[in-house]
Amino acid sequence: MAQRIPRRRPNTGRGAVYFTVGLAVTFLLVAGGVGYIFYQQVRAWVASSDFLPGPNPSSQNPVIDWQPGEPIPTWEGKERVNILVMGIDARPGEEGPWRTDSMIILTVDPLTRSAGMLSIPRDLWVPIPGYGEGRINTANYLGDAYNYPGGGPALAARTVQYNLGVPIHHYVRVDFNAFVHLVDLIGGIDVYVPEEINDPWYPGPHYDYDPLYIPAGWVHMDGELALKYARTRHSGRGDFDRAARQQQVLMAVLDKVTRLDLLPQLLPQVPQMWETVRDSVVMDPNLTLDKVIRLAHLATQIPKENIRTAVIDETCTEMWTTPEGQQVLVPIRDRMREVRDYVFMMPQATPKVEDPATRIAAEAAVVHVQNGTLTPGLAQKTAEYLQARGVQIGGYGNADRQDYAQSMILVYTGKRFTAEAIAGWLNLSPTAIVEAPATQAGVDILVILGADYRLPTP
């Protein structure tokens, strides 16, 4: 499955491996879709990157300059780092592309020694830049299938950034084989299972069944059992509970590595680990060995009380059946934003009492309106309606397609006050507002009218 890991000199793809090893937690968690630890470590890793270059292949073993007994270098960056960790279910002998089985954003703030992990459900129905709307887990598939620059991981990262409104500095994609090997490398983990798991339908390696039973209480898990625990959907809340278990596994890995001070013991094994996982991991090429080492060290210095975890669950989504019969989760964007802000520790703005017209004039947002339906003239009439209310219209016309089910207000340059005013005037929910990367030159806000839209009465 995942084919490679980036590399250049002694400090590239190797860094990825080193990182894996040093944070055994990281890859382990990452591989199984459990990625809590990884994100902590990754935060130091980033400090400087714009956006998602494609993966580079690597075929050489990593070179490590660190020697036992020497102090591990410390991370000196001050910027927050966000990493998207993806797990895919690549079965033996199969060729890709694959959908992602797990997606977790890891965020690390080296300045405050804090971190967070946000799990994203596979069935979240979102816009995939350049490919219309779909389940978020299909972004990796589409990127690989249609040769997106950087491949599937890069498109998945862009999709998450587009819909969550936070920059994704790095990505890691791992298959489940790497997860199993890495958990075994640290001698397994101890996990508290809150209630008995009896899953007779757990998927086997050949599209058959491999019944799973795990008793309640403390259980020592090897790599295979930890993977099954992280992947089973046996629970009342399905994928939501599964995401929580993945985070639990990540924490168990982190605890094992830090409690036993395994990092110095693992570093010399990097070449062996690299051989084990290099065909199962894809990472963006901006990692260097030096960054990886410092990141691994940083991860062990974050107090547990400074780590926040959350799942985009049923409180942030609504069940919906698409016209094609797919059961998906439509995001409730204002609730999803609250959960995101909690994990990323974003300060809540203090509301100001200000004349709306003055604020809109001050923002001077250039707004474009596009018709995503078959109703003729809808964009022009809506643009005229908004212009009469003081909105600066830069243009109007048809959208890239005419089958949008829901209207959207894409905010490219942070001018949210105007976007919220437009949502109110057009009788659209605040959840229609989406923070988006500034990719449209000369456009601050793009309004796409969908089938749910009705032109307000003047």
Protein backbone atom coordinates (compact mmCIF):
# COMPACT_ATOMS: atom_id res chain seq x y z
CA MET A 1 0.00 0.00 0.00
CA ALA A 2 1.52 3.23 0.97
CA GLN A 3 4.57 3.11 -1.11
CA ARG A 4 7.27 5.22 0.28
CA ILE A 5 8.61 7.76 2.61
CA PRO A 6 10.46 10.89 1.64
CA ARG A 7 14.22 11.06 1.72
CA ARG A 8 17.17 13.06 0.59
CA ARG A 9 20.39 12.93 2.54
CA PRO A 10 20.88 11.56 5.96
CA ASN A 11 18.08 13.83 6.99
CA THR A 12 14.97 13.35 5.02
CA GLY A 13 12.85 10.29 4.63
CA ARG A 14 15.07 8.90 7.27
CA GLY A 15 13.82 11.54 9.51
CA ALA A 16 10.42 10.10 8.96
CA VAL A 17 11.56 6.72 10.03
CA TYR A 18 13.48 8.08 12.90
CA PHE A 19 10.47 9.94 13.94
CA THR A 20 8.52 6.77 13.77
CA VAL A 21 10.94 4.96 15.88
CA GLY A 22 11.71 7.68 18.30
CA LEU A 23 8.09 8.13 18.88
CA ALA A 24 7.11 4.65 18.39
CA VAL A 25 3.91 6.13 19.40
CA THR A 26 3.66 8.19 16.38
CA PHE A 27 3.71 5.71 13.65
CA LEU A 28 1.95 3.17 15.63
CA LEU A 29 -0.86 5.42 16.24
CA VAL A 30 -0.70 6.86 12.85
CA ALA A 31 -0.68 3.56 11.13
CA GLY A 32 -3.76 2.34 12.87
CA GLY A 33 -5.46 5.59 12.41
CA VAL A 34 -4.83 6.32 15.96
CA GLY A 35 -2.70 9.39 15.82
CA TYR A 36 -2.58 11.18 19.01
CA ILE A 37 0.99 10.80 19.80
CA PHE A 38 2.16 11.44 16.42
CA TYR A 39 0.67 14.85 16.37
CA GLN A 40 2.35 15.82 19.54
CA GLN A 41 5.67 14.88 18.18
CA VAL A 42 4.93 16.33 14.88
CA ARG A 43 4.27 19.75 16.09
CA ALA A 44 7.95 20.41 16.62
CA TRP A 45 8.62 18.82 13.37
CA VAL A 46 6.94 21.55 11.42
CA ALA A 47 7.77 25.12 12.37
CA SER A 48 8.17 26.19 8.83
CA SER A 49 6.18 25.02 5.88
CA ASP A 50 3.62 26.47 3.62
CA PHE A 51 1.68 23.62 2.24
CA LEU A 52 1.81 20.03 1.34
CA PRO A 53 4.45 19.17 -1.19
CA GLY A 54 4.25 15.71 -2.63
CA PRO A 55 5.98 12.69 -1.14
CA ASN A 56 9.46 11.70 -2.22
CA PRO A 57 10.45 8.05 -2.53
CA SER A 58 13.23 6.75 -0.34
CA SER A 59 15.11 3.52 -0.65
CA GLN A 60 18.11 3.99 1.62
CA ASN A 61 18.40 3.26 5.30
CA PRO A 62 18.48 6.28 7.59
CA VAL A 63 21.75 7.56 8.97
CA ILE A 64 21.76 8.59 12.61
CA ASP A 65 24.38 10.92 14.04
CA TRP A 66 23.07 10.60 17.59
CA GLN A 67 24.93 8.16 19.85
CA PRO A 68 23.76 6.58 23.14
CA GLY A 69 24.79 8.75 26.06
CA GLU A 70 24.59 12.00 24.11
CA PRO A 71 21.84 14.50 24.96
CA ILE A 72 18.93 14.46 22.53
CA PRO A 73 18.68 17.80 20.65
CA THR A 74 15.83 20.06 21.70
CA TRP A 75 13.29 21.78 19.49
CA GLU A 76 13.70 25.54 19.29
CA GLY A 77 10.76 26.57 17.07
CA LYS A 78 7.96 28.76 18.42
CA GLU A 79 5.17 28.19 15.88
CA ARG A 80 2.26 25.77 16.24
CA VAL A 81 2.50 22.70 14.00
CA ASN A 82 -0.47 20.78 12.57
CA ILE A 83 -0.10 17.32 11.07
CA LEU A 84 -2.70 15.20 9.33
CA VAL A 85 -2.28 11.52 10.15
CA MET A 86 -4.05 9.01 7.92
CA GLY A 87 -4.42 5.25 8.18
CA ILE A 88 -5.42 3.14 5.19
CA ASP A 89 -6.55 -0.47 5.01
CA ALA A 90 -4.20 -1.82 2.34
CA ARG A 91 -4.64 -5.58 2.09
CA PRO A 92 -1.82 -7.91 1.03
CA GLY A 93 -1.46 -8.19 -2.75
CA GLU A 94 -3.83 -5.32 -3.49
CA GLU A 95 -3.05 -2.28 -5.57
CA GLY A 96 -4.33 1.17 -4.66
CA PRO A 97 -5.73 3.71 -4.64
CA TRP A 98 -7.41 3.45 -1.23
CA ARG A 99 -9.79 5.44 0.89
CA THR A 100 -8.57 6.51 4.30
CA ASP A 101 -9.83 4.41 7.18
CA SER A 102 -8.79 6.96 9.80
CA MET A 103 -7.98 10.69 9.80
CA ILE A 104 -6.62 12.60 12.78
CA ILE A 105 -5.23 16.12 13.01
CA LEU A 106 -2.41 16.43 15.50
CA THR A 107 -1.49 19.89 16.71
CA VAL A 108 1.47 20.87 18.85
CA ASP A 109 2.37 24.25 20.30
CA PRO A 110 6.03 24.24 21.34
CA LEU A 111 5.70 27.62 23.05
CA THR A 112 3.02 26.56 25.55
CA ARG A 113 4.05 22.88 25.66
CA SER A 114 0.52 21.88 24.72
CA ALA A 115 -0.96 19.59 22.10
CA GLY A 116 -4.26 18.33 20.76
CA MET A 117 -5.80 15.65 18.62
CA LEU A 118 -8.99 15.92 16.56
CA SER A 119 -10.50 12.81 14.94
CA ILE A 120 -12.47 13.22 11.70
CA PRO A 121 -15.20 10.68 10.79
CA ARG A 122 -14.81 8.89 7.46
CA ASP A 123 -18.37 9.68 6.34
CA LEU A 124 -18.14 13.46 6.78
CA TRP A 125 -19.73 14.92 3.62
CA VAL A 126 -17.66 17.89 2.46
CA PRO A 127 -16.43 19.74 -0.62
CA ILE A 128 -13.25 18.14 -1.98
CA PRO A 129 -11.37 20.93 -3.81
CA GLY A 130 -11.62 20.31 -7.55
CA TYR A 131 -13.76 17.16 -7.21
CA GLY A 132 -17.16 18.28 -5.93
CA GLU A 133 -18.75 16.98 -2.74
CA GLY A 134 -18.07 13.57 -1.25
CA ARG A 135 -17.06 11.62 1.82
CA ILE A 136 -13.87 13.05 3.25
CA ASN A 137 -12.25 9.61 3.19
CA THR A 138 -12.37 9.60 -0.63
CA ALA A 139 -9.95 12.53 -0.97
CA ASN A 140 -6.91 10.26 -0.73
CA TYR A 141 -8.44 7.89 -3.30
CA LEU A 142 -9.16 10.70 -5.76
CA GLY A 143 -5.74 12.26 -5.36
CA ASP A 144 -3.99 8.99 -6.16
CA ALA A 145 -6.41 7.94 -8.90
CA TYR A 146 -6.23 11.25 -10.80
CA ASN A 147 -2.56 12.11 -10.21
CA TYR A 148 -3.19 15.12 -8.01
CA PRO A 149 0.11 17.00 -7.32
CA GLY A 150 1.50 15.29 -4.24
CA GLY A 151 -0.89 12.37 -4.63
CA GLY A 152 -3.73 11.31 -2.37
CA PRO A 153 -2.19 12.49 0.90
CA ALA A 154 -1.75 16.02 -0.45
CA LEU A 155 -5.37 16.24 -1.64
CA ALA A 156 -6.60 14.81 1.68
CA ALA A 157 -4.56 17.41 3.55
CA ARG A 158 -5.90 20.21 1.36
CA THR A 159 -9.47 18.95 1.87
CA VAL A 160 -9.08 18.92 5.65
CA GLN A 161 -7.56 22.38 5.64
CA TYR A 162 -10.33 23.65 3.36
CA ASN A 163 -13.12 22.35 5.58
CA LEU A 164 -11.66 22.74 9.07
CA GLY A 165 -10.13 26.17 8.52
CA VAL A 166 -6.72 25.32 10.02
CA PRO A 167 -3.44 25.04 8.11
CA ILE A 168 -2.11 21.51 7.58
CA HIS A 169 1.68 21.79 7.60
CA HIS A 170 2.53 18.12 7.18
CA TYR A 171 0.90 14.79 6.50
CA VAL A 172 1.64 11.14 7.18
CA ARG A 173 -0.14 8.17 5.65
CA VAL A 174 0.48 4.72 7.05
CA ASP A 175 -0.98 1.30 6.43
CA PHE A 176 -1.89 -1.11 9.18
CA ASN A 177 1.15 -3.33 8.75
CA ALA A 178 3.40 -0.54 9.98
CA PHE A 179 1.18 -0.01 12.99
CA VAL A 180 1.39 -3.66 14.06
CA HIS A 181 5.18 -3.81 13.67
CA LEU A 182 5.76 -0.63 15.62
CA VAL A 183 3.56 -1.56 18.57
CA ASP A 184 5.35 -4.88 18.77
CA LEU A 185 8.69 -3.07 18.67
CA ILE A 186 7.96 -1.34 22.01
CA GLY A 187 6.74 -4.57 23.58
CA GLY A 188 3.02 -3.92 23.26
CA ILE A 189 0.82 -1.54 25.24
CA ASP A 190 -1.53 -1.68 28.21
CA VAL A 191 -5.05 -0.41 27.53
CA TYR A 192 -8.06 -0.16 29.83
CA VAL A 193 -11.11 -1.56 28.03
CA PRO A 194 -14.18 0.05 29.65
CA GLU A 195 -16.63 -2.62 28.51
CA GLU A 196 -16.43 -6.05 26.90
CA ILE A 197 -16.05 -6.13 23.12
CA ASN A 198 -17.57 -9.03 21.20
CA ASP A 199 -17.39 -8.38 17.47
CA PRO A 200 -18.15 -11.48 15.37
CA TRP A 201 -18.05 -9.40 12.18
CA TYR A 202 -14.56 -7.97 12.50
CA PRO A 203 -13.13 -7.98 8.93
CA GLY A 204 -10.51 -10.59 8.07
CA PRO A 205 -7.56 -10.15 5.71
CA HIS A 206 -9.32 -11.79 2.73
CA TYR A 207 -12.74 -10.11 2.88
CA ASP A 208 -13.87 -12.70 5.39
CA TYR A 209 -14.51 -12.43 9.15
CA ASP A 210 -12.09 -12.68 12.05
CA PRO A 211 -14.26 -12.70 15.22
CA LEU A 212 -12.88 -10.45 17.95
CA TYR A 213 -13.36 -10.77 21.71
CA ILE A 214 -11.71 -8.48 24.27
CA PRO A 215 -12.69 -8.66 27.96
CA ALA A 216 -13.33 -5.54 30.01
CA GLY A 217 -10.53 -4.21 32.23
CA TRP A 218 -6.81 -3.79 31.73
CA VAL A 219 -5.53 -5.71 28.71
CA HIS A 220 -1.96 -6.03 27.45
CA MET A 221 -2.12 -5.75 23.67
CA ASP A 222 0.40 -6.69 21.03
CA GLY A 223 0.34 -4.88 17.70
CA GLU A 224 -2.32 -7.06 16.13
CA LEU A 225 -4.73 -6.80 19.05
CA ALA A 226 -4.13 -3.06 19.45
CA LEU A 227 -5.00 -2.59 15.78
CA LYS A 228 -8.21 -4.60 16.14
CA TYR A 229 -9.18 -2.64 19.24
CA ALA A 230 -8.61 0.62 17.38
CA ARG A 231 -10.54 -0.49 14.29
CA THR A 232 -13.57 -2.41 15.56
CA ARG A 233 -16.89 -0.63 15.18
CA HIS A 234 -18.52 -2.69 17.90
CA SER A 235 -20.29 -0.08 20.02
CA GLY A 236 -23.44 1.95 20.20
CA ARG A 237 -21.89 4.99 18.50
CA GLY A 238 -19.98 3.18 15.75
CA ASP A 239 -17.20 5.23 14.23
CA PHE A 240 -17.40 7.89 16.94
CA ASP A 241 -16.50 5.38 19.66
CA ARG A 242 -13.87 3.91 17.37
CA ALA A 243 -12.20 7.32 17.06
CA ALA A 244 -12.11 7.61 20.85
CA ARG A 245 -10.48 4.16 21.08
CA GLN A 246 -7.86 5.20 18.55
CA GLN A 247 -6.96 8.17 20.69
CA GLN A 248 -6.84 5.87 23.73
CA VAL A 249 -4.36 3.60 21.95
CA LEU A 250 -2.22 6.57 21.01
CA MET A 251 -2.11 7.70 24.61
CA ALA A 252 -1.14 4.18 25.69
CA VAL A 253 1.76 4.21 23.25
CA LEU A 254 2.88 7.61 24.46
CA ASP A 255 2.65 6.45 28.07
CA LYS A 256 4.73 3.36 27.31
CA VAL A 257 7.45 5.31 25.54
CA THR A 258 7.71 8.10 28.11
CA ARG A 259 7.19 6.02 31.26
CA LEU A 260 9.96 3.60 30.41
CA ASP A 261 12.15 6.24 28.77
CA LEU A 262 12.28 4.16 25.60
CA LEU A 263 13.30 6.96 23.27
CA PRO A 264 17.08 6.59 23.77
CA GLN A 265 16.72 2.80 23.39
CA LEU A 266 14.74 3.11 20.17
CA LEU A 267 16.98 5.56 18.36
CA PRO A 268 19.71 3.03 17.50
CA GLN A 269 17.04 0.77 15.97
CA VAL A 270 15.99 3.32 13.36
CA PRO A 271 17.63 1.51 10.42
CA GLN A 272 15.79 -1.70 11.33
CA MET A 273 12.52 0.17 11.74
CA TRP A 274 13.04 1.89 8.44
CA GLU A 275 13.39 -1.44 6.69
CA THR A 276 10.19 -2.60 8.37
CA VAL A 277 7.95 0.34 7.53
CA ARG A 278 9.39 2.16 4.53
CA ASP A 279 6.97 0.49 2.10
CA SER A 280 4.04 1.26 4.38
CA VAL A 281 4.51 4.97 4.97
CA VAL A 282 4.09 8.12 2.88
CA MET A 283 5.11 11.44 4.42
CA ASP A 284 5.52 14.90 2.97
CA PRO A 285 9.13 15.63 2.01
CA ASN A 286 9.81 18.58 4.31
CA LEU A 287 10.92 16.49 7.25
CA THR A 288 14.60 16.32 8.07
CA LEU A 289 16.29 13.93 10.45
CA ASP A 290 17.25 16.80 12.69
CA LYS A 291 13.64 17.96 12.97
CA VAL A 292 12.46 14.45 13.61
CA ILE A 293 14.89 13.91 16.47
CA ARG A 294 13.98 17.21 18.08
CA LEU A 295 10.30 16.51 17.63
CA ALA A 296 10.58 13.13 19.27
CA HIS A 297 12.28 14.72 22.23
CA LEU A 298 9.65 17.44 22.46
CA ALA A 299 6.82 14.90 22.52
CA THR A 300 8.11 13.44 25.76
CA GLN A 301 8.01 16.87 27.43
CA ILE A 302 4.31 17.64 27.02
CA PRO A 303 2.35 17.05 30.24
CA LYS A 304 -0.74 14.91 29.80
CA GLU A 305 -2.88 17.66 31.28
CA ASN A 306 -1.81 19.88 28.35
CA ILE A 307 -3.21 17.53 25.74
CA ARG A 308 -6.74 18.04 24.46
CA THR A 309 -8.60 15.43 22.43
CA ALA A 310 -11.95 15.51 20.67
CA VAL A 311 -13.98 13.75 17.99
CA ILE A 312 -16.20 15.35 15.36
CA ASP A 313 -19.18 13.27 16.43
CA GLU A 314 -22.98 13.29 16.40
CA THR A 315 -23.05 16.65 18.22
CA CYS A 316 -21.30 18.24 15.21
CA THR A 317 -23.04 16.39 12.35
CA GLU A 318 -26.41 15.37 10.97
CA MET A 319 -27.25 12.12 9.20
CA TRP A 320 -28.23 12.55 5.56
CA THR A 321 -28.92 10.23 2.64
CA THR A 322 -27.58 11.49 -0.68
CA PRO A 323 -29.65 11.22 -3.88
CA GLU A 324 -27.48 8.18 -4.72
CA GLY A 325 -28.48 6.49 -1.46
CA GLN A 326 -25.24 7.05 0.47
CA GLN A 327 -25.59 7.48 4.25
CA VAL A 328 -23.31 10.35 5.18
CA LEU A 329 -22.68 12.93 7.91
CA VAL A 330 -23.31 16.58 7.03
CA PRO A 331 -21.24 18.92 9.22
CA ILE A 332 -22.96 21.40 11.51
CA ARG A 333 -20.21 23.92 10.90
CA ASP A 334 -20.69 26.22 13.88
CA ARG A 335 -20.57 23.22 16.26
CA MET A 336 -17.64 21.71 14.40
CA ARG A 337 -15.85 25.02 14.72
CA GLU A 338 -16.36 25.01 18.50
CA VAL A 339 -14.83 21.55 18.81
CA ARG A 340 -11.92 22.56 16.58
CA ASP A 341 -11.28 25.70 18.62
CA TYR A 342 -11.26 23.66 21.84
CA VAL A 343 -8.59 21.27 20.52
CA PHE A 344 -6.50 24.02 18.96
CA MET A 345 -7.01 26.24 22.00
CA MET A 346 -8.15 29.17 19.89
CA PRO A 347 -9.28 32.20 21.94
CA GLN A 348 -12.93 33.09 21.69
CA ALA A 349 -13.50 36.56 20.31
CA THR A 350 -15.19 39.12 22.56
CA PRO A 351 -18.23 40.48 20.75
CA LYS A 352 -18.21 44.21 20.03
CA VAL A 353 -21.20 46.47 19.68
CA GLU A 354 -20.74 48.13 16.30
CA ASP A 355 -22.94 49.42 13.52
CA PRO A 356 -23.18 46.56 10.95
CA ALA A 357 -23.08 48.89 7.94
CA THR A 358 -19.92 50.55 9.25
CA ARG A 359 -18.26 47.18 9.87
CA ILE A 360 -19.17 45.89 6.40
CA ALA A 361 -17.87 49.07 4.79
CA ALA A 362 -14.64 48.75 6.77
CA GLU A 363 -14.10 45.16 5.67
CA ALA A 364 -14.68 46.18 2.03
CA ALA A 365 -15.08 42.52 1.08
CA VAL A 366 -15.28 41.77 -2.64
CA VAL A 367 -18.08 39.23 -3.05
CA HIS A 368 -18.77 36.96 -6.01
CA VAL A 369 -22.06 35.08 -6.39
CA GLN A 370 -22.37 31.81 -8.31
CA ASN A 371 -25.46 29.81 -9.25
CA GLY A 372 -25.09 26.14 -8.32
CA THR A 373 -28.63 25.28 -9.47
CA LEU A 374 -30.56 25.10 -12.75
CA THR A 375 -32.72 28.12 -11.85
CA PRO A 376 -31.88 30.82 -14.44
CA GLY A 377 -30.84 34.27 -13.28
CA LEU A 378 -30.49 33.30 -9.61
CA ALA A 379 -26.92 34.57 -9.22
CA GLN A 380 -27.66 37.93 -10.84
CA LYS A 381 -30.79 38.55 -8.77
CA THR A 382 -29.00 37.60 -5.56
CA ALA A 383 -26.04 39.82 -6.41
CA GLU A 384 -28.36 42.76 -6.98
CA TYR A 385 -30.13 42.01 -3.70
CA LEU A 386 -26.85 42.05 -1.78
CA GLN A 387 -25.52 45.10 -3.58
CA ALA A 388 -28.60 47.02 -2.48
CA ARG A 389 -27.54 46.26 1.10
CA GLY A 390 -24.09 47.72 0.74
CA VAL A 391 -22.18 44.61 -0.30
CA GLN A 392 -19.41 45.14 -2.86
CA ILE A 393 -20.19 42.71 -5.71
CA GLY A 394 -17.21 41.75 -7.84
CA GLY A 395 -19.05 39.46 -10.21
CA TYR A 396 -21.68 36.76 -10.66
CA GLY A 397 -22.32 33.76 -12.88
CA ASN A 398 -22.70 29.99 -12.90
CA ALA A 399 -20.81 27.69 -10.51
CA ASP A 400 -18.61 24.81 -11.65
CA ARG A 401 -21.70 22.62 -11.59
CA GLN A 402 -25.44 23.04 -11.10
CA ASP A 403 -26.26 20.26 -8.62
CA TYR A 404 -25.18 21.79 -5.30
CA ALA A 405 -27.53 20.47 -2.63
CA GLN A 406 -26.55 23.08 -0.05
CA SER A 407 -25.55 26.70 -0.36
CA MET A 408 -22.08 27.71 0.77
CA ILE A 409 -20.37 30.97 1.70
CA LEU A 410 -16.62 30.54 1.23
CA VAL A 411 -14.52 33.05 3.16
CA TYR A 412 -11.06 33.36 1.61
CA THR A 413 -9.53 36.31 3.45
CA GLY A 414 -11.01 36.21 6.94
CA LYS A 415 -13.73 38.83 6.37
CA ARG A 416 -16.23 36.89 8.38
CA PHE A 417 -18.47 39.72 9.52
CA THR A 418 -19.62 40.34 5.96
CA ALA A 419 -20.08 36.61 5.43
CA GLU A 420 -22.28 36.33 8.51
CA ALA A 421 -24.34 39.32 7.38
CA ILE A 422 -24.82 37.71 3.96
CA ALA A 423 -25.93 34.45 5.61
CA GLY A 424 -28.53 36.37 7.58
CA TRP A 425 -29.83 38.31 4.58
CA LEU A 426 -30.09 35.17 2.44
CA ASN A 427 -31.72 33.10 5.21
CA LEU A 428 -28.81 30.65 5.25
CA SER A 429 -27.60 28.82 8.34
CA PRO A 430 -24.32 30.01 9.92
CA THR A 431 -23.07 26.48 9.17
CA ALA A 432 -23.02 27.43 5.47
CA ILE A 433 -19.98 29.64 6.15
CA VAL A 434 -16.70 27.87 5.38
CA GLU A 435 -13.19 29.21 5.96
CA ALA A 436 -11.17 28.50 2.81
CA PRO A 437 -7.56 29.03 1.65
CA ALA A 438 -7.03 32.29 -0.24
CA THR A 439 -6.90 30.72 -3.70
CA GLN A 440 -9.25 33.10 -5.56
CA ALA A 441 -7.42 36.25 -6.65
CA GLY A 442 -9.46 39.39 -6.10
CA VAL A 443 -12.24 37.53 -4.27
CA ASP A 444 -12.79 37.79 -0.51
CA ILE A 445 -16.06 35.86 -0.32
CA LEU A 446 -17.69 33.43 -2.76
CA VAL A 447 -21.40 32.67 -2.39
CA ILE A 448 -22.49 29.42 -4.07
CA LEU A 449 -26.27 29.05 -4.25
CA GLY A 450 -27.59 25.51 -3.84
CA ALA A 451 -30.93 23.71 -4.07
CA ASP A 452 -31.80 24.77 -0.50
CA TYR A 453 -31.70 28.47 -1.44
CA ARG A 454 -34.72 30.70 -1.95
CA LEU A 455 -34.31 34.30 -3.11
CA PRO A 456 -35.47 36.59 -0.29
CA THR A 457 -38.46 38.80 -0.91
CA PRO A 458 -37.35 42.43 -1.29
